Amino acid sequence: MHYDIRLVIGYDYSRPVEAGRHVLCLTPPGGAAGQSVGACRLTVVPRPDEWLNRQDFFGNDMVEIAFRDAVSHMRFEMDARVERLPAPSPPGAPAALADIAGELSAVRDLGPLSPHHFIAPSARAAPDEAIAAFARDVTGHCASASAAVIALGEALHRTMAYDPEATAVDTPAAGAFALRRGVCQDFSHIMIIALRSLGIPAGYVSGFLRTNPPPGQPRLEGADAMHAWVRAWCGREAGFVEYDPTNATSAGEDHITVAVGRDYADVAPVRGVMRSAGWQVTRQSVDVRPVTDID
């Protein structure tokens, strides 16, 4: 499936802000499994005085920008055409859940996507006993690591409500779990913590999700948002699999990857520093359109 994707993130400030330096993680890579990018353009308004393209440790495409003069607004626009293939089958059988620690210890690779980077606590995925107890309870019957991934994802989908008003971007995963409410970022962080508590390396995927309107209703332009899901290492033969706990489904043809990391802190769409006073208004819109809808 081919998609035309448009992302717009805007900031308006009550007073001009100074010394702004930012790192942007907004563009889908062509090297992600099952994904190719035909064209991609990132536009920043006003035009930054400095612009540096680079890749981070995990191979994600990053753009560093800086403004020398004060600005009263910023706008980031990303347009891309992406081909997404159905999710490939795992190359081999998943490890038994009881064997996952031994499987991990046998891995000597410490490259960017080594499972060793995804097992330890990280900035936004700190251990939590309540989440660990939940993980043990819902996976007690699971024989394999992949079965545990699915059981956890389905259990989170059953027990948590999607509620964009319940949490903020900096809400700890433990807090969202206590509320049993949150957004895709919360679902993903909780699942990552749960999987790691079982000894399964797990990371965070940011990207886009094609959404389908109710039957008979038109698509709303810009109604989509950036999405997040989980990648979990199921042993040396199976490798990493991706699961979307917000929707209780394996990540597939409707999921377009932007970046992978240990948690949201590694792949935040926009982060940086600036001097400011007063308030700001933030807005975001995403449109994921199958090309067949417009051709």
Protein backbone atom coordinates (compact mmCIF):
# COMPACT_ATOMS: atom_id res chain seq x y z
CA MET A 1 0.00 0.00 0.00
CA HIS A 2 1.22 3.49 -0.91
CA TYR A 3 0.42 6.44 1.34
CA ASP A 4 0.71 10.19 1.06
CA ILE A 5 1.44 11.50 4.55
CA ARG A 6 1.26 15.10 5.70
CA LEU A 7 2.22 16.23 9.19
CA VAL A 8 1.91 19.78 10.50
CA ILE A 9 3.10 20.87 13.96
CA GLY A 10 2.75 24.52 14.90
CA TYR A 11 3.70 26.67 17.89
CA ASP A 12 2.49 30.22 18.55
CA TYR A 13 4.08 32.23 21.37
CA SER A 14 2.58 35.13 23.29
CA ARG A 15 6.03 36.76 23.29
CA PRO A 16 8.96 36.16 20.93
CA VAL A 17 11.26 33.36 22.09
CA GLU A 18 15.04 33.45 21.78
CA ALA A 19 18.01 31.10 21.43
CA GLY A 20 15.92 28.26 20.07
CA ARG A 21 17.74 25.02 19.27
CA HIS A 22 15.68 21.94 18.41
CA VAL A 23 16.04 18.33 17.29
CA LEU A 24 13.32 17.05 14.96
CA CYS A 25 12.43 13.38 14.48
CA LEU A 26 9.63 13.61 11.93
CA THR A 27 10.61 11.88 8.69
CA PRO A 28 9.91 8.20 7.90
CA PRO A 29 13.04 6.24 6.93
CA GLY A 30 13.20 4.12 3.82
CA GLY A 31 15.28 1.48 5.56
CA ALA A 32 12.61 0.30 8.00
CA ALA A 33 11.50 -3.29 7.51
CA GLY A 34 8.76 -3.53 4.90
CA GLN A 35 8.86 0.20 4.16
CA SER A 36 10.23 2.37 1.37
CA VAL A 37 10.06 6.13 0.93
CA GLY A 38 9.58 7.53 -2.56
CA ALA A 39 9.83 11.19 -1.60
CA CYS A 40 10.04 13.18 1.60
CA ARG A 41 10.23 16.90 2.34
CA LEU A 42 10.57 18.69 5.67
CA THR A 43 9.83 22.42 5.78
CA VAL A 44 10.46 24.72 8.75
CA VAL A 45 8.92 28.22 9.00
CA PRO A 46 10.58 30.60 9.66
CA ARG A 47 13.71 29.34 7.97
CA PRO A 48 16.32 28.30 10.58
CA ASP A 49 19.77 29.85 10.58
CA GLU A 50 21.35 26.43 11.14
CA TRP A 51 20.28 23.03 9.73
CA LEU A 52 22.07 19.71 10.22
CA ASN A 53 20.90 16.30 9.00
CA ARG A 54 22.22 13.35 10.99
CA GLN A 55 21.34 9.90 12.31
CA ASP A 56 21.18 8.99 15.98
CA PHE A 57 22.63 5.84 17.55
CA PHE A 58 19.61 3.76 16.53
CA GLY A 59 19.80 4.92 12.91
CA ASN A 60 16.83 7.30 13.09
CA ASP A 61 16.86 10.35 10.81
CA MET A 62 17.25 13.54 12.85
CA VAL A 63 17.37 17.22 11.91
CA GLU A 64 19.01 19.77 14.20
CA ILE A 65 17.95 23.39 13.73
CA ALA A 66 18.77 26.70 15.43
CA PHE A 67 17.44 30.27 15.27
CA ARG A 68 19.72 33.23 15.96
CA ASP A 69 16.88 35.77 16.10
CA ALA A 70 13.75 35.72 18.25
CA VAL A 71 10.67 34.09 16.68
CA SER A 72 6.98 34.45 17.53
CA HIS A 73 5.91 31.21 15.90
CA MET A 74 7.28 27.98 14.43
CA ARG A 75 5.75 25.60 11.96
CA PHE A 76 7.04 22.17 10.88
CA GLU A 77 5.58 20.55 7.78
CA MET A 78 6.48 17.05 6.61
CA ASP A 79 5.21 15.55 3.35
CA ALA A 80 6.12 12.03 2.26
CA ARG A 81 5.02 9.25 -0.03
CA VAL A 82 5.64 5.88 1.60
CA GLU A 83 5.10 2.32 0.49
CA ARG A 84 4.24 -0.05 3.33
CA LEU A 85 4.18 -3.79 2.77
CA PRO A 86 2.32 -6.27 4.97
CA ALA A 87 4.26 -7.24 8.07
CA PRO A 88 6.63 -10.11 7.22
CA SER A 89 6.39 -13.38 9.11
CA PRO A 90 9.09 -13.90 11.76
CA PRO A 91 12.12 -15.61 10.21
CA GLY A 92 12.06 -18.36 12.82
CA ALA A 93 10.26 -19.78 15.80
CA PRO A 94 9.93 -17.64 18.95
CA ALA A 95 11.88 -18.63 22.02
CA ALA A 96 10.13 -20.24 24.95
CA LEU A 97 9.35 -17.63 27.57
CA ALA A 98 11.37 -19.60 30.10
CA ASP A 99 14.38 -19.56 27.76
CA ILE A 100 14.40 -15.88 26.80
CA ALA A 101 17.11 -14.95 29.34
CA GLY A 102 19.41 -17.64 27.99
CA GLU A 103 18.67 -16.57 24.42
CA LEU A 104 19.58 -12.99 25.29
CA SER A 105 22.81 -13.94 27.04
CA ALA A 106 23.92 -15.77 23.89
CA VAL A 107 23.69 -12.58 21.80
CA ARG A 108 27.13 -10.94 21.47
CA ASP A 109 26.10 -8.14 19.10
CA LEU A 110 26.05 -4.65 20.64
CA GLY A 111 25.06 -2.80 17.46
CA PRO A 112 22.27 -0.21 17.41
CA LEU A 113 19.42 -2.73 17.22
CA SER A 114 20.87 -5.31 19.58
CA PRO A 115 18.24 -6.56 22.04
CA HIS A 116 20.62 -5.71 24.89
CA HIS A 117 19.77 -2.02 24.48
CA PHE A 118 16.07 -2.69 25.09
CA ILE A 119 16.06 -4.71 28.33
CA ALA A 120 17.31 -2.18 30.93
CA PRO A 121 15.16 0.59 32.47
CA SER A 122 15.07 3.78 30.40
CA ALA A 123 14.09 7.40 30.96
CA ARG A 124 10.36 6.98 30.32
CA ALA A 125 10.03 3.25 31.09
CA ALA A 126 11.08 2.80 34.71
CA PRO A 127 10.30 -0.49 36.50
CA ASP A 128 6.98 -0.60 38.34
CA GLU A 129 5.84 -3.46 40.56
CA ALA A 130 2.14 -3.01 39.78
CA ILE A 131 2.84 -3.30 36.05
CA ALA A 132 5.17 -6.26 36.64
CA ALA A 133 2.50 -8.06 38.69
CA PHE A 134 -0.03 -7.42 35.92
CA ALA A 135 2.43 -8.87 33.39
CA ARG A 136 2.99 -12.02 35.45
CA ASP A 137 -0.74 -12.50 35.90
CA VAL A 138 -1.72 -12.23 32.23
CA THR A 139 1.20 -14.25 30.83
CA GLY A 140 1.27 -17.12 33.32
CA HIS A 141 -0.18 -19.46 30.71
CA CYS A 142 2.13 -18.37 27.86
CA ALA A 143 4.68 -20.84 26.56
CA SER A 144 6.52 -18.55 24.14
CA ALA A 145 7.78 -14.97 24.13
CA SER A 146 5.54 -14.06 21.21
CA ALA A 147 2.50 -15.47 23.02
CA ALA A 148 3.37 -13.26 25.98
CA VAL A 149 3.57 -10.20 23.71
CA ILE A 150 0.09 -10.86 22.34
CA ALA A 151 -1.39 -11.70 25.75
CA LEU A 152 -0.05 -8.47 27.25
CA GLY A 153 -1.21 -6.33 24.34
CA GLU A 154 -4.70 -7.80 24.42
CA ALA A 155 -4.93 -7.45 28.21
CA LEU A 156 -3.92 -3.79 28.09
CA HIS A 157 -6.49 -3.15 25.39
CA ARG A 158 -9.19 -4.78 27.55
CA THR A 159 -8.33 -3.08 30.83
CA MET A 160 -7.30 0.42 29.70
CA ALA A 161 -9.46 3.08 28.09
CA TYR A 162 -8.16 5.35 25.34
CA ASP A 163 -8.62 8.84 26.79
CA PRO A 164 -6.60 11.80 25.42
CA GLU A 165 -7.75 13.97 28.32
CA ALA A 166 -6.47 11.64 31.06
CA THR A 167 -2.71 12.08 30.61
CA ALA A 168 -0.12 14.52 29.30
CA VAL A 169 3.10 13.92 27.40
CA ASP A 170 5.07 13.82 30.67
CA THR A 171 2.68 11.57 32.64
CA PRO A 172 4.65 8.60 34.05
CA ALA A 173 3.62 5.20 32.76
CA ALA A 174 2.87 4.07 36.32
CA GLY A 175 0.42 6.96 36.69
CA ALA A 176 -1.40 6.11 33.46
CA PHE A 177 -1.56 2.45 34.51
CA ALA A 178 -3.04 3.40 37.89
CA LEU A 179 -5.73 5.40 36.07
CA ARG A 180 -6.21 2.63 33.50
CA ARG A 181 -6.52 5.44 30.96
CA GLY A 182 -4.26 7.14 28.47
CA VAL A 183 -3.13 7.44 24.86
CA CYS A 184 -0.91 5.35 22.60
CA GLN A 185 2.25 6.65 24.27
CA ASP A 186 0.95 5.42 27.64
CA PHE A 187 -0.19 2.04 26.29
CA SER A 188 3.23 1.53 24.70
CA HIS A 189 5.29 2.55 27.74
CA ILE A 190 3.24 0.31 30.03
CA MET A 191 3.67 -2.62 27.66
CA ILE A 192 7.43 -1.98 27.39
CA ILE A 193 7.78 -1.99 31.19
CA ALA A 194 5.67 -5.15 31.43
CA LEU A 195 7.69 -7.00 28.79
CA ARG A 196 11.03 -6.01 30.30
CA SER A 197 9.81 -7.24 33.70
CA LEU A 198 9.40 -10.67 32.07
CA GLY A 199 12.92 -10.51 30.62
CA ILE A 200 11.72 -9.70 27.08
CA PRO A 201 13.64 -6.79 25.46
CA ALA A 202 11.16 -4.18 24.27
CA GLY A 203 11.34 -0.77 22.61
CA TYR A 204 9.20 2.09 21.37
CA VAL A 205 8.18 2.80 17.77
CA SER A 206 6.88 6.21 16.71
CA GLY A 207 5.08 6.65 13.45
CA PHE A 208 1.76 7.06 11.71
CA LEU A 209 -1.35 4.92 11.55
CA ARG A 210 -3.88 4.84 8.78
CA THR A 211 -7.30 5.23 10.38
CA ASN A 212 -10.58 4.31 8.77
CA PRO A 213 -13.75 6.38 9.35
CA PRO A 214 -17.02 4.74 10.43
CA PRO A 215 -18.99 3.17 7.56
CA GLY A 216 -20.57 5.84 5.42
CA GLN A 217 -18.56 8.68 6.93
CA PRO A 218 -15.92 10.69 5.00
CA ARG A 219 -12.30 10.83 6.09
CA LEU A 220 -11.45 13.96 8.07
CA GLU A 221 -8.41 15.79 6.74
CA GLY A 222 -5.76 16.12 9.42
CA ALA A 223 -7.77 14.14 11.97
CA ASP A 224 -5.08 11.55 12.47
CA ALA A 225 -2.20 11.99 14.93
CA MET A 226 1.25 10.55 15.38
CA HIS A 227 1.04 7.04 16.78
CA ALA A 228 3.18 4.72 18.89
CA TRP A 229 3.50 0.99 19.32
CA VAL A 230 5.94 -1.61 20.69
CA ARG A 231 8.71 -3.79 19.28
CA ALA A 232 9.65 -6.86 21.30
CA TRP A 233 12.52 -9.31 20.88
CA CYS A 234 11.24 -12.89 20.87
CA GLY A 235 14.51 -14.78 20.60
CA ARG A 236 17.41 -15.25 18.21
CA GLU A 237 15.34 -16.97 15.53
CA ALA A 238 12.22 -14.79 15.64
CA GLY A 239 13.99 -11.47 16.25
CA PHE A 240 11.87 -8.38 16.83
CA VAL A 241 8.10 -8.35 16.36
CA GLU A 242 5.90 -5.24 16.52
CA TYR A 243 2.58 -4.99 18.36
CA ASP A 244 0.10 -2.13 18.78
CA PRO A 245 -1.52 -2.43 22.24
CA THR A 246 -3.76 0.59 21.71
CA ASN A 247 -5.58 -1.34 18.99
CA ALA A 248 -4.76 -4.92 20.07
CA THR A 249 -3.17 -5.84 16.75
CA SER A 250 0.18 -6.68 15.28
CA ALA A 251 1.73 -3.73 13.48
CA GLY A 252 1.23 -4.17 9.76
CA GLU A 253 0.41 -2.48 6.51
CA ASP A 254 -1.40 0.43 8.19
CA HIS A 255 1.58 1.29 10.46
CA ILE A 256 4.24 3.62 9.02
CA THR A 257 7.47 3.83 11.03
CA VAL A 258 9.26 7.09 11.79
CA ALA A 259 11.74 6.03 14.47
CA VAL A 260 12.60 3.35 17.03
CA GLY A 261 14.12 3.79 20.47
CA ARG A 262 14.04 2.65 24.05
CA ASP A 263 11.08 4.90 24.84
CA TYR A 264 9.51 8.21 23.82
CA ALA A 265 12.49 10.21 25.10
CA ASP A 266 14.65 8.78 22.30
CA VAL A 267 12.23 9.61 19.49
CA ALA A 268 10.22 12.68 20.57
CA PRO A 269 9.05 14.49 17.40
CA VAL A 270 10.33 17.87 18.61
CA ARG A 271 12.67 18.56 21.51
CA GLY A 272 15.10 21.30 22.36
CA VAL A 273 15.71 24.47 24.37
CA MET A 274 14.79 28.15 24.12
CA ARG A 275 14.34 31.25 26.28
CA SER A 276 10.71 32.22 26.66
CA ALA A 277 8.16 34.04 28.81
CA GLY A 278 4.40 33.86 28.61
CA TRP A 279 2.28 31.16 27.09
CA GLN A 280 2.31 29.10 23.92
CA VAL A 281 -0.31 27.36 21.82
CA THR A 282 0.56 24.05 20.15
CA ARG A 283 -1.34 22.37 17.36
CA GLN A 284 -0.76 19.20 15.36
CA SER A 285 -2.46 17.49 12.46
CA VAL A 286 -1.63 14.36 10.52
CA ASP A 287 -3.22 13.08 7.33
CA VAL A 288 -2.45 9.53 6.15
CA ARG A 289 -4.06 9.04 2.78
CA PRO A 290 -3.89 5.86 0.71
CA VAL A 291 -2.79 6.86 -2.76
CA THR A 292 -5.69 4.94 -4.29
CA ASP A 293 -8.00 7.46 -2.64
CA ILE A 294 -6.68 10.31 -4.77
CA ASP A 295 -5.42 8.64 -8.00
